[in-house]
């Protein structure tokens, strides 16, 4: 059983203002919340800037471990 999940960061917007990042889970983990994490950006951040951040994170982050100590001997 895996206690880590592959993730993909995507850019979302509400009414074409205030872009934000969403971290989408791609593997199931027992106890993982249904709601996916959302990252709010600084006021004034553009969609283009948010896309750059998402591209960087997707290139550099391999897994998300919501429960880093379970199992302890992984």
PDB file of N, CA and C in Angstrom:
ATOM      1  N   UNK A   1       0.849  -1.182   0.000  1.00  0.00           N
ATOM      2  CA  UNK A   1       0.000   0.000   0.000  1.00  0.00           C
ATOM      3  C   UNK A   1       0.891   1.241   0.000  1.00  0.00           C
ATOM      4  N   UNK A   2       0.594   2.181  -0.871  1.00  0.00           N
ATOM      5  CA  UNK A   2       1.396   3.383  -1.002  1.00  0.00           C
ATOM      6  C   UNK A   2       0.863   4.497  -0.106  1.00  0.00           C
ATOM      7  N   UNK A   3       1.777   5.208   0.512  1.00  0.00           N
ATOM      8  CA  UNK A   3       1.398   6.371   1.313  1.00  0.00           C
ATOM      9  C   UNK A   3       1.910   7.646   0.675  1.00  0.00           C
ATOM     10  N   UNK A   4       2.066   7.596  -0.630  1.00  0.00           N
ATOM     11  CA  UNK A   4       2.420   8.780  -1.389  1.00  0.00           C
ATOM     12  C   UNK A   4       1.618   8.761  -2.671  1.00  0.00           C
ATOM     13  N   UNK A   5       1.428   9.926  -3.245  1.00  0.00           N
ATOM     14  CA  UNK A   5       0.648  10.038  -4.467  1.00  0.00           C
ATOM     15  C   UNK A   5       1.364  10.934  -5.465  1.00  0.00           C
ATOM     16  N   UNK A   6       1.264  10.562  -6.709  1.00  0.00           N
ATOM     17  CA  UNK A   6       1.734  11.460  -7.756  1.00  0.00           C
ATOM     18  C   UNK A   6       0.778  12.643  -7.784  1.00  0.00           C
ATOM     19  N   UNK A   7       1.297  13.816  -8.086  1.00  0.00           N
ATOM     20  CA  UNK A   7       0.462  15.014  -8.121  1.00  0.00           C
ATOM     21  C   UNK A   7       0.709  15.792  -9.404  1.00  0.00           C
ATOM     22  N   UNK A   8      -0.292  16.562  -9.776  1.00  0.00           N
ATOM     23  CA  UNK A   8      -0.180  17.491 -10.892  1.00  0.00           C
ATOM     24  C   UNK A   8      -0.760  18.817 -10.417  1.00  0.00           C
ATOM     25  N   UNK A   9      -0.019  19.892 -10.659  1.00  0.00           N
ATOM     26  CA  UNK A   9      -0.485  21.228 -10.318  1.00  0.00           C
ATOM     27  C   UNK A   9      -1.145  21.846 -11.551  1.00  0.00           C
ATOM     28  N   UNK A  10      -2.340  22.383 -11.354  1.00  0.00           N
ATOM     29  CA  UNK A  10      -3.054  23.048 -12.433  1.00  0.00           C
ATOM     30  C   UNK A  10      -3.445  24.444 -11.984  1.00  0.00           C
ATOM     31  N   UNK A  11      -3.643  25.313 -12.956  1.00  0.00           N
ATOM     32  CA  UNK A  11      -4.048  26.691 -12.677  1.00  0.00           C
ATOM     33  C   UNK A  11      -5.555  26.779 -12.878  1.00  0.00           C
ATOM     34  N   UNK A  12      -6.215  27.372 -11.919  1.00  0.00           N
ATOM     35  CA  UNK A  12      -7.660  27.584 -11.987  1.00  0.00           C
ATOM     36  C   UNK A  12      -7.937  29.070 -11.795  1.00  0.00           C
ATOM     37  N   UNK A  13      -9.089  29.514 -12.267  1.00  0.00           N
ATOM     38  CA  UNK A  13      -9.526  30.899 -12.096  1.00  0.00           C
ATOM     39  C   UNK A  13     -11.019  30.914 -11.820  1.00  0.00           C
ATOM     40  N   UNK A  14     -11.451  31.947 -11.142  1.00  0.00           N
ATOM     41  CA  UNK A  14     -12.876  32.188 -10.948  1.00  0.00           C
ATOM     42  C   UNK A  14     -13.169  33.530 -11.608  1.00  0.00           C
ATOM     43  N   UNK A  15     -13.994  33.516 -12.618  1.00  0.00           N
ATOM     44  CA  UNK A  15     -14.372  34.737 -13.344  1.00  0.00           C
ATOM     45  C   UNK A  15     -13.170  35.491 -13.897  1.00  0.00           C
ATOM     46  N   UNK A  16     -12.165  34.768 -14.385  1.00  0.00           N
ATOM     47  CA  UNK A  16     -10.978  35.366 -15.007  1.00  0.00           C
ATOM     48  C   UNK A  16     -10.197  36.301 -14.092  1.00  0.00           C
ATOM     49  N   UNK A  17     -10.327  36.137 -12.792  1.00  0.00           N
ATOM     50  CA  UNK A  17      -9.524  36.939 -11.846  1.00  0.00           C
ATOM     51  C   UNK A  17      -8.954  36.017 -10.784  1.00  0.00           C
ATOM     52  N   UNK A  18      -7.898  36.473 -10.154  1.00  0.00           N
ATOM     53  CA  UNK A  18      -7.280  35.752  -9.046  1.00  0.00           C
ATOM     54  C   UNK A  18      -7.000  34.280  -9.369  1.00  0.00           C
ATOM     55  N   UNK A  19      -6.013  34.020 -10.224  1.00  0.00           N
ATOM     56  CA  UNK A  19      -5.668  32.625 -10.492  1.00  0.00           C
ATOM     57  C   UNK A  19      -5.155  31.948  -9.221  1.00  0.00           C
ATOM     58  N   UNK A  20      -5.366  30.659  -9.129  1.00  0.00           N
ATOM     59  CA  UNK A  20      -4.848  29.894  -7.993  1.00  0.00           C
ATOM     60  C   UNK A  20      -4.376  28.545  -8.503  1.00  0.00           C
ATOM     61  N   UNK A  21      -3.573  27.866  -7.689  1.00  0.00           N
ATOM     62  CA  UNK A  21      -3.056  26.548  -8.048  1.00  0.00           C
ATOM     63  C   UNK A  21      -3.839  25.477  -7.307  1.00  0.00           C
ATOM     64  N   UNK A  22      -4.121  24.389  -7.995  1.00  0.00           N
ATOM     65  CA  UNK A  22      -4.752  23.231  -7.370  1.00  0.00           C
ATOM     66  C   UNK A  22      -3.813  22.042  -7.535  1.00  0.00           C
ATOM     67  N   UNK A  23      -3.635  21.296  -6.460  1.00  0.00           N
ATOM     68  CA  UNK A  23      -2.802  20.098  -6.498  1.00  0.00           C
ATOM     69  C   UNK A  23      -3.729  18.888  -6.625  1.00  0.00           C
ATOM     70  N   UNK A  24      -3.674  18.236  -7.781  1.00  0.00           N
ATOM     71  CA  UNK A  24      -4.545  17.092  -8.052  1.00  0.00           C
ATOM     72  C   UNK A  24      -3.814  15.796  -7.699  1.00  0.00           C
ATOM     73  N   UNK A  25      -4.487  14.913  -6.968  1.00  0.00           N
ATOM     74  CA  UNK A  25      -3.922  13.625  -6.571  1.00  0.00           C
ATOM     75  C   UNK A  25      -4.151  12.596  -7.678  1.00  0.00           C
ATOM     76  N   UNK A  26      -3.157  11.728  -7.898  1.00  0.00           N
ATOM     77  CA  UNK A  26      -3.290  10.717  -8.944  1.00  0.00           C
ATOM     78  C   UNK A  26      -3.189   9.288  -8.420  1.00  0.00           C
ATOM     79  N   UNK A  27      -3.118   9.120  -7.117  1.00  0.00           N
ATOM     80  CA  UNK A  27      -3.119   7.789  -6.506  1.00  0.00           C
ATOM     81  C   UNK A  27      -3.980   7.852  -5.253  1.00  0.00           C
ATOM     82  N   UNK A  28      -4.540   6.704  -4.878  1.00  0.00           N
ATOM     83  CA  UNK A  28      -5.376   6.657  -3.676  1.00  0.00           C
ATOM     84  C   UNK A  28      -4.530   6.354  -2.458  1.00  0.00           C
ATOM     85  N   UNK A  29      -4.839   7.044  -1.364  1.00  0.00           N
ATOM     86  CA  UNK A  29      -4.183   6.832  -0.079  1.00  0.00           C
ATOM     87  C   UNK A  29      -5.285   6.765   0.971  1.00  0.00           C
ATOM     88  N   UNK A  30      -5.269   5.739   1.826  1.00  0.00           N
ATOM     89  CA  UNK A  30      -6.277   5.677   2.884  1.00  0.00           C
ATOM     90  C   UNK A  30      -6.212   6.927   3.761  1.00  0.00           C
ATOM     91  N   UNK A  31      -7.347   7.554   3.986  1.00  0.00           N
ATOM     92  CA  UNK A  31      -7.424   8.725   4.846  1.00  0.00           C
ATOM     93  C   UNK A  31      -7.129  10.044   4.155  1.00  0.00           C
ATOM     94  N   UNK A  32      -6.827  10.009   2.865  1.00  0.00           N
ATOM     95  CA  UNK A  32      -6.545  11.240   2.132  1.00  0.00           C
ATOM     96  C   UNK A  32      -7.845  12.021   1.958  1.00  0.00           C
ATOM     97  N   UNK A  33      -7.827  13.318   2.277  1.00  0.00           N
ATOM     98  CA  UNK A  33      -9.060  14.105   2.124  1.00  0.00           C
ATOM     99  C   UNK A  33      -9.545  14.105   0.672  1.00  0.00           C
ATOM    100  N   UNK A  34     -10.845  14.191   0.502  1.00  0.00           N
ATOM    101  CA  UNK A  34     -11.436  14.230  -0.828  1.00  0.00           C
ATOM    102  C   UNK A  34     -11.112  15.557  -1.511  1.00  0.00           C
ATOM    103  N   UNK A  35     -11.181  16.637  -0.746  1.00  0.00           N
ATOM    104  CA  UNK A  35     -10.895  17.958  -1.302  1.00  0.00           C
ATOM    105  C   UNK A  35      -9.406  18.084  -1.587  1.00  0.00           C
ATOM    106  N   UNK A  36      -9.090  18.576  -2.771  1.00  0.00           N
ATOM    107  CA  UNK A  36      -7.697  18.733  -3.153  1.00  0.00           C
ATOM    108  C   UNK A  36      -7.175  20.086  -2.676  1.00  0.00           C
ATOM    109  N   UNK A  37      -5.889  20.144  -2.291  1.00  0.00           N
ATOM    110  CA  UNK A  37      -5.325  21.403  -1.793  1.00  0.00           C
ATOM    111  C   UNK A  37      -5.343  22.496  -2.856  1.00  0.00           C
ATOM    112  N   UNK A  38      -5.600  23.704  -2.406  1.00  0.00           N
ATOM    113  CA  UNK A  38      -5.593  24.884  -3.262  1.00  0.00           C
ATOM    114  C   UNK A  38      -4.595  25.866  -2.666  1.00  0.00           C
ATOM    115  N   UNK A  39      -3.804  26.475  -3.540  1.00  0.00           N
ATOM    116  CA  UNK A  39      -2.802  27.436  -3.126  1.00  0.00           C
ATOM    117  C   UNK A  39      -3.171  28.800  -3.694  1.00  0.00           C
ATOM    118  N   UNK A  40      -3.454  29.749  -2.806  1.00  0.00           N
ATOM    119  CA  UNK A  40      -3.770  31.109  -3.230  1.00  0.00           C
ATOM    120  C   UNK A  40      -2.472  31.841  -3.539  1.00  0.00           C
ATOM    121  N   UNK A  41      -2.511  32.653  -4.570  1.00  0.00           N
ATOM    122  CA  UNK A  41      -1.339  33.420  -4.975  1.00  0.00           C
ATOM    123  C   UNK A  41      -1.458  34.855  -4.473  1.00  0.00           C
ATOM    124  N   UNK A  42      -0.354  35.547  -4.497  1.00  0.00           N
ATOM    125  CA  UNK A  42      -0.337  36.940  -4.062  1.00  0.00           C
ATOM    126  C   UNK A  42      -1.269  37.777  -4.944  1.00  0.00           C
ATOM    127  N   UNK A  43      -1.847  38.800  -4.360  1.00  0.00           N
ATOM    128  CA  UNK A  43      -2.712  39.707  -5.109  1.00  0.00           C
ATOM    129  C   UNK A  43      -1.910  40.286  -6.270  1.00  0.00           C
ATOM    130  N   UNK A  44      -2.504  40.279  -7.437  1.00  0.00           N
ATOM    131  CA  UNK A  44      -1.848  40.813  -8.618  1.00  0.00           C
ATOM    132  C   UNK A  44      -1.134  39.780  -9.464  1.00  0.00           C
ATOM    133  N   UNK A  45      -1.037  38.547  -8.970  1.00  0.00           N
ATOM    134  CA  UNK A  45      -0.401  37.488  -9.765  1.00  0.00           C
ATOM    135  C   UNK A  45      -1.233  37.252 -11.027  1.00  0.00           C
ATOM    136  N   UNK A  46      -0.560  37.097 -12.140  1.00  0.00           N
ATOM    137  CA  UNK A  46      -1.256  36.879 -13.404  1.00  0.00           C
ATOM    138  C   UNK A  46      -1.398  35.390 -13.687  1.00  0.00           C
ATOM    139  N   UNK A  47      -2.272  35.075 -14.626  1.00  0.00           N
ATOM    140  CA  UNK A  47      -2.440  33.685 -15.036  1.00  0.00           C
ATOM    141  C   UNK A  47      -1.137  33.157 -15.630  1.00  0.00           C
ATOM    142  N   UNK A  48      -0.431  33.978 -16.359  1.00  0.00           N
ATOM    143  CA  UNK A  48       0.846  33.568 -16.953  1.00  0.00           C
ATOM    144  C   UNK A  48       1.867  33.230 -15.871  1.00  0.00           C
ATOM    145  N   UNK A  49       1.920  34.037 -14.823  1.00  0.00           N
ATOM    146  CA  UNK A  49       2.830  33.752 -13.706  1.00  0.00           C
ATOM    147  C   UNK A  49       2.432  32.452 -13.007  1.00  0.00           C
ATOM    148  N   UNK A  50       1.133  32.259 -12.826  1.00  0.00           N
ATOM    149  CA  UNK A  50       0.650  31.033 -12.195  1.00  0.00           C
ATOM    150  C   UNK A  50       1.019  29.815 -13.042  1.00  0.00           C
ATOM    151  N   UNK A  51       0.917  29.935 -14.356  1.00  0.00           N
ATOM    152  CA  UNK A  51       1.305  28.839 -15.256  1.00  0.00           C
ATOM    153  C   UNK A  51       2.787  28.515 -15.115  1.00  0.00           C
ATOM    154  N   UNK A  52       3.631  29.533 -14.975  1.00  0.00           N
ATOM    155  CA  UNK A  52       5.070  29.316 -14.779  1.00  0.00           C
ATOM    156  C   UNK A  52       5.332  28.548 -13.484  1.00  0.00           C
ATOM    157  N   UNK A  53       4.630  28.928 -12.421  1.00  0.00           N
ATOM    158  CA  UNK A  53       4.787  28.239 -11.132  1.00  0.00           C
ATOM    159  C   UNK A  53       4.331  26.788 -11.263  1.00  0.00           C
ATOM    160  N   UNK A  54       3.181  26.563 -11.878  1.00  0.00           N
ATOM    161  CA  UNK A  54       2.666  25.196 -12.055  1.00  0.00           C
ATOM    162  C   UNK A  54       3.623  24.356 -12.888  1.00  0.00           C
ATOM    163  N   UNK A  55       4.169  24.927 -13.938  1.00  0.00           N
ATOM    164  CA  UNK A  55       5.116  24.202 -14.783  1.00  0.00           C
ATOM    165  C   UNK A  55       6.352  23.810 -13.987  1.00  0.00           C
ATOM    166  N   UNK A  56       6.868  24.740 -13.192  1.00  0.00           N
ATOM    167  CA  UNK A  56       8.039  24.451 -12.365  1.00  0.00           C
ATOM    168  C   UNK A  56       7.737  23.336 -11.361  1.00  0.00           C
ATOM    169  N   UNK A  57       6.625  23.452 -10.652  1.00  0.00           N
ATOM    170  CA  UNK A  57       6.278  22.436  -9.656  1.00  0.00           C
ATOM    171  C   UNK A  57       6.085  21.070 -10.297  1.00  0.00           C
ATOM    172  N   UNK A  58       5.421  21.023 -11.432  1.00  0.00           N
ATOM    173  CA  UNK A  58       5.198  19.747 -12.116  1.00  0.00           C
ATOM    174  C   UNK A  58       6.509  19.117 -12.575  1.00  0.00           C
ATOM    175  N   UNK A  59       7.498  19.945 -12.901  1.00  0.00           N
ATOM    176  CA  UNK A  59       8.798  19.436 -13.339  1.00  0.00           C
ATOM    177  C   UNK A  59       9.666  18.960 -12.178  1.00  0.00           C
ATOM    178  N   UNK A  60       9.414  19.475 -10.972  1.00  0.00           N
ATOM    179  CA  UNK A  60      10.319  19.217  -9.854  1.00  0.00           C
ATOM    180  C   UNK A  60       9.741  18.363  -8.722  1.00  0.00           C
ATOM    181  N   UNK A  61       8.440  18.252  -8.623  1.00  0.00           N
ATOM    182  CA  UNK A  61       7.836  17.486  -7.520  1.00  0.00           C
ATOM    183  C   UNK A  61       7.443  16.103  -8.026  1.00  0.00           C
ATOM    184  N   UNK A  62       7.966  15.094  -7.348  1.00  0.00           N
ATOM    185  CA  UNK A  62       7.721  13.714  -7.746  1.00  0.00           C
ATOM    186  C   UNK A  62       6.482  13.140  -7.053  1.00  0.00           C
ATOM    187  N   UNK A  63       6.390  13.290  -5.726  1.00  0.00           N
ATOM    188  CA  UNK A  63       5.287  12.739  -4.943  1.00  0.00           C
ATOM    189  C   UNK A  63       4.880  13.708  -3.849  1.00  0.00           C
ATOM    190  N   UNK A  64       3.661  13.529  -3.372  1.00  0.00           N
ATOM    191  CA  UNK A  64       3.170  14.205  -2.174  1.00  0.00           C
ATOM    192  C   UNK A  64       2.925  13.127  -1.139  1.00  0.00           C
ATOM    193  N   UNK A  65       3.442  13.334   0.076  1.00  0.00           N
ATOM    194  CA  UNK A  65       3.260  12.382   1.171  1.00  0.00           C
ATOM    195  C   UNK A  65       2.453  13.062   2.271  1.00  0.00           C
ATOM    196  N   UNK A  66       1.143  12.848   2.324  1.00  0.00           N
ATOM    197  CA  UNK A  66       0.318  13.529   3.319  1.00  0.00           C
ATOM    198  C   UNK A  66       0.563  13.043   4.741  1.00  0.00           C
ATOM    199  N   UNK A  67       1.039  11.830   4.876  1.00  0.00           N
ATOM    200  CA  UNK A  67       1.314  11.256   6.200  1.00  0.00           C
ATOM    201  C   UNK A  67       2.767  10.773   6.188  1.00  0.00           C
ATOM    202  N   UNK A  68       3.752  11.673   6.332  1.00  0.00           N
ATOM    203  CA  UNK A  68       5.153  11.309   6.126  1.00  0.00           C
ATOM    204  C   UNK A  68       5.704  10.251   7.073  1.00  0.00           C
ATOM    205  N   UNK A  69       5.080  10.035   8.213  1.00  0.00           N
ATOM    206  CA  UNK A  69       5.594   9.044   9.157  1.00  0.00           C
ATOM    207  C   UNK A  69       4.891   7.710   9.064  1.00  0.00           C
ATOM    208  N   UNK A  70       3.962   7.536   8.092  1.00  0.00           N
ATOM    209  CA  UNK A  70       3.235   6.278   7.946  1.00  0.00           C
ATOM    210  C   UNK A  70       3.510   5.705   6.566  1.00  0.00           C
ATOM    211  N   UNK A  71       3.950   4.500   6.408  1.00  0.00           N
ATOM    212  CA  UNK A  71       4.555   3.697   7.476  1.00  0.00           C
ATOM    213  C   UNK A  71       5.934   4.230   7.822  1.00  0.00           C
ATOM    214  N   UNK A  72       6.355   4.044   9.052  1.00  0.00           N
ATOM    215  CA  UNK A  72       7.617   4.604   9.526  1.00  0.00           C
ATOM    216  C   UNK A  72       8.811   3.952   8.865  1.00  0.00           C
ATOM    217  N   UNK A  73       8.709   2.690   8.481  1.00  0.00           N
ATOM    218  CA  UNK A  73       9.850   1.965   7.928  1.00  0.00           C
ATOM    219  C   UNK A  73       9.737   1.763   6.419  1.00  0.00           C
ATOM    220  N   UNK A  74       9.222   2.757   5.717  1.00  0.00           N
ATOM    221  CA  UNK A  74       9.072   2.610   4.269  1.00  0.00           C
ATOM    222  C   UNK A  74      10.408   2.762   3.557  1.00  0.00           C
TER     223      UNK A  74
END
